[in-house]
Protein backbone atom coordinates (compact mmCIF):
# COMPACT_ATOMS: atom_id res chain seq x y z
CA MET A 1 -51.86 -25.03 -31.08
CA THR A 2 -53.27 -27.38 -34.00
CA PRO A 3 -55.34 -24.87 -36.79
CA VAL A 4 -58.59 -25.52 -36.46
CA LEU A 5 -61.18 -24.79 -39.77
CA PRO A 6 -64.61 -23.09 -39.70
CA PRO A 7 -67.61 -24.77 -39.20
CA GLY A 8 -69.46 -25.59 -42.15
CA PRO A 9 -73.10 -27.24 -43.26
CA LEU A 10 -71.84 -30.49 -42.80
CA SER A 11 -70.11 -29.96 -39.43
CA THR A 12 -70.28 -33.14 -37.13
CA TYR A 13 -72.09 -31.15 -34.72
CA ARG A 14 -74.62 -29.31 -37.03
CA ARG A 15 -75.58 -32.93 -38.17
CA MET A 16 -76.05 -34.51 -35.16
CA ARG A 17 -77.82 -31.88 -33.92
CA GLU A 18 -80.21 -32.05 -36.63
CA LEU A 19 -80.48 -35.85 -36.45
CA ALA A 20 -81.79 -35.06 -33.10
CA GLY A 21 -84.04 -32.64 -33.90
CA VAL A 22 -85.79 -34.80 -36.38
CA GLU A 23 -86.18 -37.97 -34.35
CA PRO A 24 -84.76 -36.99 -30.83
CA ASP A 25 -86.14 -40.27 -29.50
CA ARG A 26 -84.95 -42.70 -32.27
CA THR A 27 -81.90 -44.67 -30.72
CA ALA A 28 -78.41 -43.83 -31.75
CA VAL A 29 -76.14 -46.48 -30.34
CA SER A 30 -76.63 -49.45 -28.66
CA ALA A 31 -73.89 -51.03 -26.81
CA ARG A 32 -73.29 -54.47 -25.20
CA GLY A 33 -70.93 -54.57 -21.81
CA ALA A 34 -68.20 -56.99 -20.46
CA ASP A 35 -70.92 -58.21 -18.28
CA GLY A 36 -73.03 -59.17 -20.94
CA GLY A 37 -75.75 -55.85 -20.21
CA TRP A 38 -76.96 -53.65 -22.95
CA SER A 39 -77.21 -49.65 -22.57
CA SER A 40 -78.49 -47.57 -25.39
CA LEU A 41 -78.91 -43.63 -26.06
CA THR A 42 -81.12 -41.87 -28.50
CA ARG A 43 -79.70 -39.32 -30.71
CA ALA A 44 -81.22 -36.65 -28.05
CA GLU A 45 -79.56 -37.97 -25.29
CA LEU A 46 -76.00 -38.92 -27.34
CA VAL A 47 -76.02 -35.05 -28.37
CA ALA A 48 -76.38 -33.81 -24.97
CA LEU A 49 -73.96 -35.79 -23.67
CA ALA A 50 -71.33 -35.16 -25.80
CA GLU A 51 -72.11 -31.23 -25.61
CA ALA A 52 -71.70 -31.49 -21.87
CA GLN A 53 -68.32 -33.55 -22.00
CA ALA A 54 -67.00 -31.09 -24.92
CA ALA A 55 -67.79 -27.99 -22.86
CA ARG A 56 -65.98 -29.65 -19.75
CA LEU A 57 -62.58 -29.99 -22.50
CA LEU A 58 -63.07 -26.51 -23.36
CA ALA A 59 -63.32 -24.93 -19.81
CA GLU A 60 -59.56 -26.81 -19.23
CA PRO A 61 -56.14 -24.96 -20.67
CA PRO A 62 -56.18 -25.04 -24.59
CA GLY A 63 -54.79 -27.95 -26.32
CA PRO A 64 -54.84 -29.96 -29.81
CA TYR A 65 -55.55 -33.16 -28.75
CA THR A 66 -57.29 -35.59 -26.37
CA VAL A 67 -56.19 -39.25 -25.90
CA VAL A 68 -59.27 -41.60 -26.37
CA ALA A 69 -58.09 -44.98 -24.68
CA LEU A 70 -61.31 -46.67 -24.48
CA PRO A 71 -62.85 -49.98 -24.94
CA ASN A 72 -65.88 -50.71 -27.48
CA GLY A 73 -68.77 -48.89 -25.97
CA ILE A 74 -71.12 -45.63 -25.68
CA GLY A 75 -68.36 -43.49 -23.82
CA PHE A 76 -66.24 -44.02 -26.88
CA PHE A 77 -68.14 -42.14 -28.92
CA VAL A 78 -68.89 -39.55 -26.66
CA ALA A 79 -65.04 -39.04 -26.24
CA VAL A 80 -64.46 -38.54 -29.93
CA LEU A 81 -67.60 -36.35 -30.39
CA ALA A 82 -66.48 -33.93 -27.55
CA SER A 83 -62.84 -33.92 -28.62
CA TRP A 84 -64.24 -32.60 -32.10
CA TRP A 85 -66.92 -30.30 -30.46
CA ALA A 86 -64.10 -28.71 -28.56
CA GLY A 87 -61.75 -28.38 -31.73
CA ARG A 88 -59.08 -31.03 -30.47
CA THR A 89 -58.05 -34.14 -32.43
CA PRO A 90 -58.54 -37.63 -30.83
CA LEU A 91 -55.42 -39.74 -30.35
CA VAL A 92 -56.82 -43.24 -30.52
CA VAL A 93 -55.24 -46.10 -28.80
CA PRO A 94 -55.82 -49.28 -27.48
CA PRO A 95 -56.79 -49.63 -23.92
CA GLU A 96 -54.94 -52.38 -23.26
CA SER A 97 -51.86 -50.88 -24.50
CA THR A 98 -48.80 -51.22 -22.24
CA ALA A 99 -46.86 -48.42 -21.22
CA PRO A 100 -43.98 -49.40 -23.82
CA GLU A 101 -46.72 -49.52 -26.59
CA LEU A 102 -48.00 -46.41 -25.62
CA VAL A 103 -44.47 -44.69 -25.64
CA ARG A 104 -43.89 -46.12 -29.06
CA LEU A 105 -47.63 -44.81 -30.08
CA PHE A 106 -46.37 -41.45 -28.53
CA SER A 107 -43.55 -41.27 -30.07
CA SER A 108 -45.06 -40.51 -33.74
CA VAL A 109 -46.98 -37.36 -32.72
CA GLY A 110 -44.46 -34.97 -32.24
CA ARG A 111 -45.78 -32.81 -29.62
CA PRO A 112 -45.15 -32.59 -25.82
CA ARG A 113 -46.76 -34.92 -23.64
CA GLU A 114 -47.93 -32.04 -21.49
CA GLU A 115 -50.42 -30.89 -24.28
CA ILE A 116 -52.22 -33.99 -24.35
CA PHE A 117 -55.27 -34.39 -22.02
CA ALA A 118 -56.83 -38.08 -21.49
CA PHE A 119 -60.59 -38.56 -21.81
CA ASP A 120 -62.76 -41.45 -20.75
CA GLY A 121 -65.98 -40.76 -22.22
CA SER A 122 -67.41 -40.02 -18.87
CA GLU A 123 -65.25 -37.34 -17.71
CA LEU A 124 -62.02 -35.46 -18.55
CA VAL A 125 -59.20 -37.50 -16.53
CA ALA A 126 -56.39 -34.98 -15.18
CA PRO A 127 -54.00 -34.00 -18.21
CA VAL A 128 -50.59 -35.06 -18.31
CA ARG A 129 -48.81 -32.02 -17.40
CA ASP A 130 -46.93 -30.32 -14.29
CA ALA A 131 -49.51 -30.00 -11.41
CA SER A 132 -48.42 -26.38 -11.07
CA ALA A 133 -49.77 -25.55 -14.56
CA PRO A 134 -52.52 -22.69 -14.67
CA THR A 135 -56.37 -24.09 -15.53
CA THR A 136 -59.28 -22.17 -16.22
CA ALA A 137 -61.68 -25.05 -15.09
CA GLY A 138 -63.82 -22.14 -13.55
CA ARG A 139 -65.52 -21.46 -16.88
CA THR A 140 -69.23 -22.38 -17.42
CA ALA A 141 -70.42 -24.27 -20.31
CA ALA A 142 -72.75 -21.43 -20.86
CA THR A 143 -69.40 -19.55 -22.08
CA VAL A 144 -68.21 -22.06 -24.06
CA ALA A 145 -68.88 -22.19 -27.43
CA VAL A 146 -69.09 -25.99 -28.34
CA GLY A 147 -69.37 -26.91 -31.93
CA ALA A 148 -67.35 -23.85 -33.05
CA ALA A 149 -64.97 -25.30 -35.35
CA GLU A 150 -63.88 -28.64 -35.87
CA PRO A 151 -59.84 -29.42 -35.53
CA ALA A 152 -57.87 -29.85 -38.91
CA VAL A 153 -56.72 -32.84 -38.24
CA ALA A 154 -59.68 -35.27 -37.79
CA TRP A 155 -57.79 -38.11 -35.59
CA TYR A 156 -55.12 -40.15 -35.31
CA LEU A 157 -55.06 -43.82 -35.28
CA PRO A 158 -52.69 -46.71 -34.61
CA SER A 159 -51.22 -48.17 -37.95
CA GLY A 160 -52.40 -52.17 -38.82
CA GLY A 161 -49.26 -53.71 -36.78
CA SER A 162 -49.09 -56.93 -39.25
CA THR A 163 -45.85 -55.84 -40.36
CA SER A 164 -44.07 -53.49 -37.86
CA LEU A 165 -45.08 -51.79 -34.76
CA PRO A 166 -47.74 -49.69 -34.89
CA ARG A 167 -47.40 -45.79 -34.62
CA LEU A 168 -50.05 -43.17 -34.65
CA VAL A 169 -50.66 -41.92 -38.20
CA PRO A 170 -52.68 -38.82 -38.66
CA VAL A 171 -55.37 -38.45 -40.99
CA PRO A 172 -55.48 -34.88 -41.81
CA GLY A 173 -58.72 -32.58 -42.70
CA ARG A 174 -62.26 -31.71 -40.43
CA PRO A 175 -63.75 -34.73 -39.54
CA ALA A 176 -66.95 -33.73 -41.17
CA ASP A 177 -65.19 -33.94 -44.29
CA GLN A 178 -63.76 -37.06 -43.81
CA LEU A 179 -66.68 -38.89 -42.92
CA SER A 180 -68.81 -37.03 -45.64
CA GLY A 181 -66.10 -38.76 -48.25
CA GLN A 182 -66.22 -42.23 -46.17
CA SER A 183 -70.60 -41.90 -46.55
CA THR A 184 -69.88 -41.87 -50.38
CA LEU A 185 -67.49 -44.66 -50.27
CA LEU A 186 -69.94 -46.87 -48.04
CA GLY A 187 -72.78 -46.02 -50.02
CA ALA A 188 -70.95 -48.01 -52.79
CA VAL A 189 -70.68 -51.05 -50.49
CA GLY A 190 -74.33 -51.51 -49.66
CA TRP A 191 -74.52 -49.23 -46.71
CA ARG A 192 -77.43 -46.77 -46.09
CA PRO A 193 -78.06 -44.23 -43.32
CA ASP A 194 -80.74 -45.81 -42.02
CA ALA A 195 -78.64 -49.19 -41.84
CA ASP A 196 -78.81 -51.10 -38.23
CA HIS A 197 -74.91 -51.16 -38.24
CA LEU A 198 -72.87 -53.92 -36.22
CA VAL A 199 -69.61 -53.53 -35.32
CA LEU A 200 -67.65 -56.24 -34.45
CA GLY A 201 -63.77 -54.87 -34.38
CA PRO A 202 -62.06 -52.75 -31.75
CA LEU A 203 -62.83 -49.19 -32.33
CA SER A 204 -59.17 -48.20 -31.83
CA HIS A 205 -58.82 -49.85 -35.56
CA ALA A 206 -59.24 -47.66 -38.80
CA ALA A 207 -61.83 -49.90 -40.56
CA PRO A 208 -64.30 -50.13 -37.42
CA PHE A 209 -64.02 -46.35 -36.67
CA THR A 210 -64.51 -44.92 -39.63
CA CYS A 211 -67.30 -47.19 -40.82
CA ALA A 212 -68.92 -46.63 -37.01
CA LEU A 213 -68.57 -43.08 -36.67
CA THR A 214 -69.77 -42.21 -40.24
CA GLY A 215 -72.47 -44.61 -39.68
CA LEU A 216 -73.63 -42.89 -36.23
CA VAL A 217 -72.95 -39.23 -37.97
CA HIS A 218 -75.29 -40.01 -40.87
CA GLY A 219 -77.92 -41.52 -39.33
CA ASN A 220 -77.07 -45.07 -38.46
CA HIS A 221 -78.09 -47.14 -35.42
CA VAL A 222 -74.83 -48.53 -34.41
CA VAL A 223 -74.69 -51.37 -32.41
CA LEU A 224 -71.37 -52.69 -30.73
CA VAL A 225 -70.17 -55.58 -28.81
CA ASP A 226 -67.29 -55.22 -26.29
CA ARG A 227 -65.11 -57.71 -27.80
CA PHE A 228 -65.67 -60.10 -31.17
CA ALA A 229 -66.48 -63.47 -29.34
CA PRO A 230 -69.07 -66.16 -30.66
CA GLY A 231 -71.41 -65.12 -27.87
CA ALA A 232 -71.25 -61.71 -27.86
CA VAL A 233 -71.90 -61.70 -31.53
CA ARG A 234 -74.84 -63.94 -31.03
CA ASP A 235 -76.62 -61.86 -28.97
CA ALA A 236 -76.13 -58.56 -30.71
CA VAL A 237 -77.66 -60.21 -33.88
CA ARG A 238 -80.63 -61.56 -31.61
CA ARG A 239 -81.32 -58.32 -30.24
CA VAL A 240 -80.58 -55.93 -33.37
CA PRO A 241 -80.54 -58.08 -36.67
CA PRO A 242 -77.88 -55.90 -38.83
CA THR A 243 -78.39 -54.77 -42.24
CA TRP A 244 -75.28 -53.63 -42.77
CA CYS A 245 -71.36 -54.96 -41.09
CA GLN A 246 -67.77 -54.69 -41.84
CA LEU A 247 -66.36 -57.72 -40.98
CA THR A 248 -62.29 -59.04 -41.11
CA PRO A 249 -61.82 -62.09 -42.97
CA HIS A 250 -60.86 -63.77 -39.55
CA GLN A 251 -64.54 -62.92 -38.01
CA MET A 252 -65.86 -64.12 -41.33
CA ALA A 253 -64.51 -67.73 -41.04
CA VAL A 254 -65.56 -67.95 -37.19
CA ILE A 255 -69.12 -67.03 -37.97
CA GLY A 256 -69.50 -69.27 -41.21
CA ALA A 257 -68.14 -72.20 -39.19
CA ASP A 258 -71.68 -72.55 -37.91
CA PRO A 259 -74.07 -72.64 -40.94
CA ALA A 260 -77.17 -71.72 -38.71
CA PHE A 261 -75.75 -68.74 -37.43
CA LEU A 262 -74.38 -67.61 -40.48
CA ARG A 263 -77.86 -67.79 -42.29
CA SER A 264 -79.33 -65.57 -38.89
CA PHE A 265 -76.44 -63.38 -39.22
CA GLY A 266 -77.06 -62.64 -42.96
CA ALA A 267 -80.81 -62.54 -42.76
CA ARG A 268 -81.36 -58.83 -43.09
CA LEU A 269 -77.81 -57.80 -44.72
CA ALA A 270 -77.62 -55.53 -47.55
CA GLY A 271 -74.27 -55.25 -47.56
CA LEU A 272 -71.21 -57.04 -46.03
CA LEU A 273 -67.74 -55.19 -46.24
CA HIS A 274 -64.75 -56.97 -45.47
CA THR A 275 -61.39 -55.48 -44.90
CA ALA A 276 -58.05 -55.85 -43.51
CA ALA A 277 -56.36 -59.00 -44.87
CA PRO A 278 -56.58 -61.09 -47.84
CA CYS A 279 -60.03 -63.27 -47.70
CA PRO A 280 -59.20 -67.17 -48.03
CA ALA A 281 -61.39 -68.11 -51.18
CA ALA A 282 -63.50 -70.75 -49.60
CA VAL A 283 -64.27 -68.48 -46.65
CA LYS A 284 -65.12 -65.48 -49.71
CA ARG A 285 -67.39 -68.04 -51.10
CA LEU A 286 -69.48 -69.67 -48.38
CA TRP A 287 -70.58 -66.08 -47.04
CA MET A 288 -71.46 -65.32 -51.15
CA ASP A 289 -73.46 -68.51 -51.56
CA SER A 290 -74.87 -67.59 -47.98
CA ILE A 291 -76.18 -63.88 -48.85
CA GLY A 292 -75.81 -63.30 -52.33
CA ALA A 293 -72.29 -62.02 -53.87
CA ASP A 294 -74.24 -58.89 -55.10
CA ARG A 295 -74.19 -58.15 -51.25
CA VAL A 296 -70.28 -59.09 -50.03
CA TYR A 297 -67.58 -56.44 -51.25
CA GLU A 298 -64.19 -56.36 -50.16
CA LEU A 299 -62.39 -52.73 -49.57
CA TYR A 300 -58.59 -52.42 -50.24
CA ALA A 301 -57.61 -49.25 -48.32
CA SER A 302 -55.26 -48.20 -45.43
CA THR A 303 -55.50 -46.34 -42.15
CA GLN A 304 -53.33 -44.16 -43.63
CA MET A 305 -56.11 -43.15 -46.00
CA VAL A 306 -54.54 -42.75 -49.22
CA GLY A 307 -56.97 -44.18 -51.83
CA ALA A 308 -59.80 -47.10 -52.05
CA VAL A 309 -60.19 -49.92 -54.26
CA VAL A 310 -63.70 -51.70 -54.24
CA SER A 311 -64.37 -55.10 -55.29
CA ARG A 312 -68.05 -56.71 -55.55
CA GLY A 313 -68.76 -60.47 -55.11
CA THR A 314 -69.55 -60.79 -58.82
CA ASP A 315 -66.71 -58.71 -60.02
CA TRP A 316 -64.51 -61.61 -57.76
CA LEU A 317 -66.27 -64.50 -59.45
CA GLN A 318 -65.51 -63.11 -62.80
CA ARG A 319 -61.86 -62.37 -61.74
CA PRO A 320 -60.79 -64.23 -58.57
CA GLY A 321 -58.42 -62.76 -56.32
CA THR A 322 -58.75 -59.31 -57.34
CA VAL A 323 -59.42 -56.51 -54.98
CA GLY A 324 -61.24 -54.37 -57.32
CA ARG A 325 -61.50 -51.48 -59.28
CA PRO A 326 -59.97 -47.72 -57.88
CA TYR A 327 -63.10 -45.67 -56.57
CA MET A 328 -62.30 -42.01 -56.65
CA THR A 329 -58.88 -43.05 -56.70
CA GLN A 330 -56.19 -43.38 -59.10
CA VAL A 331 -54.22 -46.43 -59.13
CA ARG A 332 -50.48 -46.93 -60.57
CA ILE A 333 -47.86 -49.72 -60.38
CA LEU A 334 -44.44 -48.82 -60.28
CA ASP A 335 -41.08 -50.37 -60.86
CA GLU A 336 -38.41 -49.83 -58.09
CA LYS A 337 -37.26 -46.67 -60.38
CA GLY A 338 -40.72 -45.18 -60.50
CA LEU A 339 -41.46 -45.78 -63.77
CA VAL A 340 -45.13 -47.13 -64.68
CA LEU A 341 -45.10 -50.71 -65.42
CA PRO A 342 -48.11 -52.09 -68.13
CA PRO A 343 -50.88 -54.09 -67.42
CA GLY A 344 -50.21 -57.65 -66.00
CA GLN A 345 -46.54 -56.86 -64.59
CA VAL A 346 -45.79 -56.90 -60.95
CA GLY A 347 -44.38 -53.83 -59.00
CA GLU A 348 -45.31 -51.55 -56.23
CA VAL A 349 -48.90 -50.38 -55.61
CA TYR A 350 -49.44 -46.72 -55.47
CA LEU A 351 -52.64 -44.71 -54.89
CA ARG A 352 -53.55 -41.27 -55.66
CA THR A 353 -56.96 -38.98 -54.79
CA ALA A 354 -57.96 -35.60 -54.57
CA GLY A 355 -57.04 -35.71 -51.04
CA THR A 356 -53.31 -36.72 -51.54
CA ARG A 357 -52.11 -34.29 -53.55
CA ARG A 358 -53.05 -31.65 -51.07
CA LEU A 359 -50.66 -33.26 -48.39
CA SER A 360 -48.00 -31.58 -46.85
CA ALA A 361 -44.48 -33.14 -46.42
CA ALA A 362 -44.89 -33.11 -42.67
CA GLN A 363 -48.46 -35.35 -42.98
CA THR A 364 -46.61 -37.86 -45.44
CA GLY A 365 -43.74 -38.53 -43.67
CA HIS A 366 -44.67 -41.58 -42.85
CA LEU A 367 -45.63 -43.10 -46.31
CA ARG A 368 -43.71 -43.87 -49.34
CA GLY A 369 -44.67 -41.22 -51.98
CA ARG A 370 -43.67 -40.46 -55.47
CA PRO A 371 -44.17 -37.18 -57.03
CA GLY A 372 -47.86 -35.88 -58.17
CA GLY A 373 -49.40 -37.12 -54.93
CA TYR A 374 -49.03 -40.91 -55.08
CA PHE A 375 -48.83 -42.99 -52.12
CA SER A 376 -47.80 -46.57 -51.19
CA VAL A 377 -48.61 -48.84 -48.15
CA GLY A 378 -46.24 -51.18 -49.36
CA ASP A 379 -48.04 -53.74 -51.30
CA LEU A 380 -47.18 -55.08 -54.47
CA GLY A 381 -49.33 -56.29 -57.29
CA TYR A 382 -50.59 -55.67 -60.86
CA LEU A 383 -53.43 -54.25 -63.06
CA ASP A 384 -55.14 -56.28 -65.57
CA GLU A 385 -56.59 -54.83 -68.83
CA ASP A 386 -59.74 -53.70 -67.09
CA GLY A 387 -58.18 -51.56 -64.32
CA PHE A 388 -58.87 -54.59 -61.91
CA LEU A 389 -56.26 -54.83 -59.25
CA PHE A 390 -54.68 -57.83 -58.01
CA LEU A 391 -52.29 -58.22 -54.87
CA VAL A 392 -49.40 -60.34 -55.09
CA ASP A 393 -47.35 -59.52 -51.46
CA ARG A 394 -45.85 -56.72 -49.64
CA VAL A 395 -42.55 -55.22 -50.27
CA ASP A 396 -41.33 -56.31 -46.60
CA ASP A 397 -42.65 -59.66 -47.34
CA VAL A 398 -40.68 -60.63 -49.88
CA ILE A 399 -38.08 -63.07 -48.92
CA ILE A 400 -34.67 -63.18 -51.00
CA VAL A 401 -33.07 -66.72 -50.95
CA GLY A 402 -29.91 -66.50 -52.67
CA GLY A 403 -30.61 -63.74 -54.93
CA ALA A 404 -34.23 -64.84 -55.88
CA ASN A 405 -37.06 -63.50 -54.58
CA VAL A 406 -40.18 -65.52 -53.30
CA SER A 407 -43.39 -64.38 -52.44
CA ALA A 408 -44.84 -65.18 -48.80
CA ARG A 409 -48.24 -64.95 -49.80
CA GLU A 410 -47.43 -67.34 -52.57
CA VAL A 411 -46.25 -69.87 -50.46
CA GLU A 412 -48.81 -69.19 -47.83
CA GLN A 413 -51.47 -69.87 -50.61
CA THR A 414 -50.00 -73.43 -51.25
CA LEU A 415 -50.05 -73.94 -47.79
CA VAL A 416 -53.39 -73.35 -46.87
CA ALA A 417 -54.25 -75.45 -50.40
CA HIS A 418 -53.42 -78.55 -48.17
CA PRO A 419 -56.72 -79.78 -46.41
CA ALA A 420 -54.67 -80.68 -43.22
CA VAL A 421 -53.92 -76.53 -42.72
CA GLY A 422 -56.11 -74.08 -41.72
CA GLU A 423 -53.64 -70.77 -41.33
CA ALA A 424 -50.37 -70.51 -42.48
CA LEU A 425 -47.78 -67.87 -42.10
CA VAL A 426 -44.37 -67.69 -44.19
CA VAL A 427 -41.65 -65.41 -43.40
CA GLY A 428 -38.10 -64.95 -44.09
CA ARG A 429 -35.31 -66.62 -41.33
CA PRO A 430 -31.43 -65.41 -41.46
CA ASP A 431 -29.33 -68.26 -43.51
CA ARG A 432 -25.36 -67.93 -43.10
CA LEU A 433 -25.29 -68.84 -47.08
CA LEU A 434 -28.51 -68.20 -49.18
CA GLY A 435 -29.47 -64.91 -46.62
CA GLN A 436 -32.57 -66.09 -45.74
CA ARG A 437 -34.60 -69.04 -45.97
CA VAL A 438 -38.45 -69.85 -46.13
CA HIS A 439 -39.46 -70.70 -42.69
CA ALA A 440 -43.36 -71.39 -42.55
CA LEU A 441 -46.01 -71.76 -39.30
CA VAL A 442 -49.24 -73.47 -40.02
CA VAL A 443 -52.23 -73.83 -37.65
CA PRO A 444 -53.81 -77.27 -38.29
CA ALA A 445 -57.61 -77.18 -39.87
CA ASP A 446 -58.32 -79.43 -37.16
CA ALA A 447 -57.46 -78.97 -33.58
CA GLU A 448 -57.36 -83.28 -32.96
CA SER A 449 -54.93 -83.13 -36.09
CA VAL A 450 -51.59 -82.05 -36.19
CA PRO A 451 -50.05 -81.89 -40.28
CA ASP A 452 -47.25 -84.15 -41.03
CA THR A 453 -44.66 -81.33 -42.10
CA THR A 454 -42.95 -83.93 -44.46
CA ASP A 455 -46.15 -84.40 -46.17
CA LEU A 456 -46.61 -80.59 -46.33
CA ARG A 457 -43.10 -79.81 -47.68
CA ALA A 458 -43.90 -82.61 -50.67
CA HIS A 459 -47.21 -80.92 -51.23
CA CYS A 460 -45.23 -77.66 -51.66
CA ALA A 461 -42.53 -79.43 -53.57
CA GLY A 462 -45.53 -80.55 -56.13
CA LEU A 463 -46.63 -76.87 -57.00
CA LEU A 464 -43.58 -74.58 -56.00
CA ALA A 465 -40.23 -73.90 -57.37
CA PRO A 466 -37.28 -75.46 -55.41
CA HIS A 467 -36.39 -72.26 -53.78
CA LYS A 468 -39.89 -71.26 -52.34
CA VAL A 469 -40.23 -74.54 -50.50
CA PRO A 470 -39.96 -73.86 -47.21
CA THR A 471 -37.15 -75.87 -45.33
CA SER A 472 -38.41 -75.75 -41.88
CA ILE A 473 -42.32 -75.80 -40.70
CA GLU A 474 -43.57 -75.21 -37.70
CA VAL A 475 -46.88 -76.36 -36.40
CA ILE A 476 -48.76 -73.78 -33.59
CA ALA A 477 -51.85 -73.75 -31.93
CA GLU A 478 -52.96 -70.40 -32.85
CA PHE A 479 -51.38 -66.93 -34.21
CA GLU A 480 -50.83 -64.25 -31.64
CA ARG A 481 -52.88 -61.13 -33.42
CA SER A 482 -53.06 -57.21 -32.93
CA HIS A 483 -55.67 -55.55 -31.40
CA ALA A 484 -57.44 -55.57 -34.64
CA GLY A 485 -57.03 -59.39 -35.35
CA LYS A 486 -54.46 -59.25 -37.96
CA ILE A 487 -51.75 -61.60 -37.69
CA GLN A 488 -48.41 -59.80 -36.30
CA ARG A 489 -46.21 -61.07 -39.02
CA PHE A 490 -43.22 -59.14 -38.03
CA ARG A 491 -43.25 -61.32 -34.37
CA TYR A 492 -42.53 -64.33 -36.44
CA ARG A 493 -39.78 -63.37 -38.56
């Protein structure tokens, strides 16, 4: 059974109880359902419901995990809080996951399936175990010590799924400790404990999950939509104009396509944090022009939570392309032998925090590690003389053409600079003579106009060395994206 840590003054249970005690009738969460209807819970109502479900969970046979497979909604928060307050680690999986996807996700947990309980936010679903297994369902809530201890592993979330098939990634440490650290980080990017906090991404993805749970446990009014769609977002903004929001560049581009809506969306924003993927310069400038560069922040981090790098819009204007400076994190750029590279030289980006130094080998087996507690998620980049980080590519996205390295990101940036291209993806395809060749996929900037591929290759030839120019270009209507909205690059290789 997973070890649990004793409760402390910042346990999620105590914090939520304190919030409910101070302002019991203040709205804690509002959610828009798939039918367009809204539901809300006050702080007192949320705590009472999560307590009741934690008691039900504790009345079942002991186990280290619960499975939370829910869409965005109040039930998701109840399920996660109940899991923590019962001393169990939530395994968060996308609700639309297929059976083969679930098999792949659970394969990384390393626990028998019979120890995993499913929890849908309103009731405990029959656990996946032998029907003849003993049960203690007769225990009553009065005998259950809800909130007595939090799990030592805060949660498992699916990896982003942009470069490979997703797997469940553990985040070690008490939930309260993890969320306390996140609140410190979010405080540096415009977030405040009294925020009207809009969540547009799926809660099964790292950034929406950590931001939303941090906000909830620290006093925000968290506003959820069931899915990212223009109508749902407009409805949410009309209902509760946000003072803080985390977005992906794709979401920023969709919202920014309507200038009037962009103005209403940003009317009260004290901070906007964008994550998950590189943000096109034009999209970033659009938002900075609308709400102010000092309110637009970028975070470079990962599901594995091995460190954080933060950039404010004003930093980016001075150093276009930077993802910022380390925040409570140390960054090293290492070559293939593990030697530290000087400023300006490209190598693999490794991060270290006080937390990563304490990770065990079992907790870091899924990461690329170096001595001293440094870990990488496979990004290539460099530091400038002032310690600002610039990302160049991913290790997996370097295409080797006849022995020469080609940065997929460099070619993509060249393609999207063409006025006919809205989005671009560049991958390596097998080649009998060269080993790999450069293949590009593009989405038109205008759905009514198809780019001429010969013209696109000529455009690239004027800006790139010959071996970097795509040998083939494919025009598609749109890219297939993960549950988190990321382009699933591995599907196009």
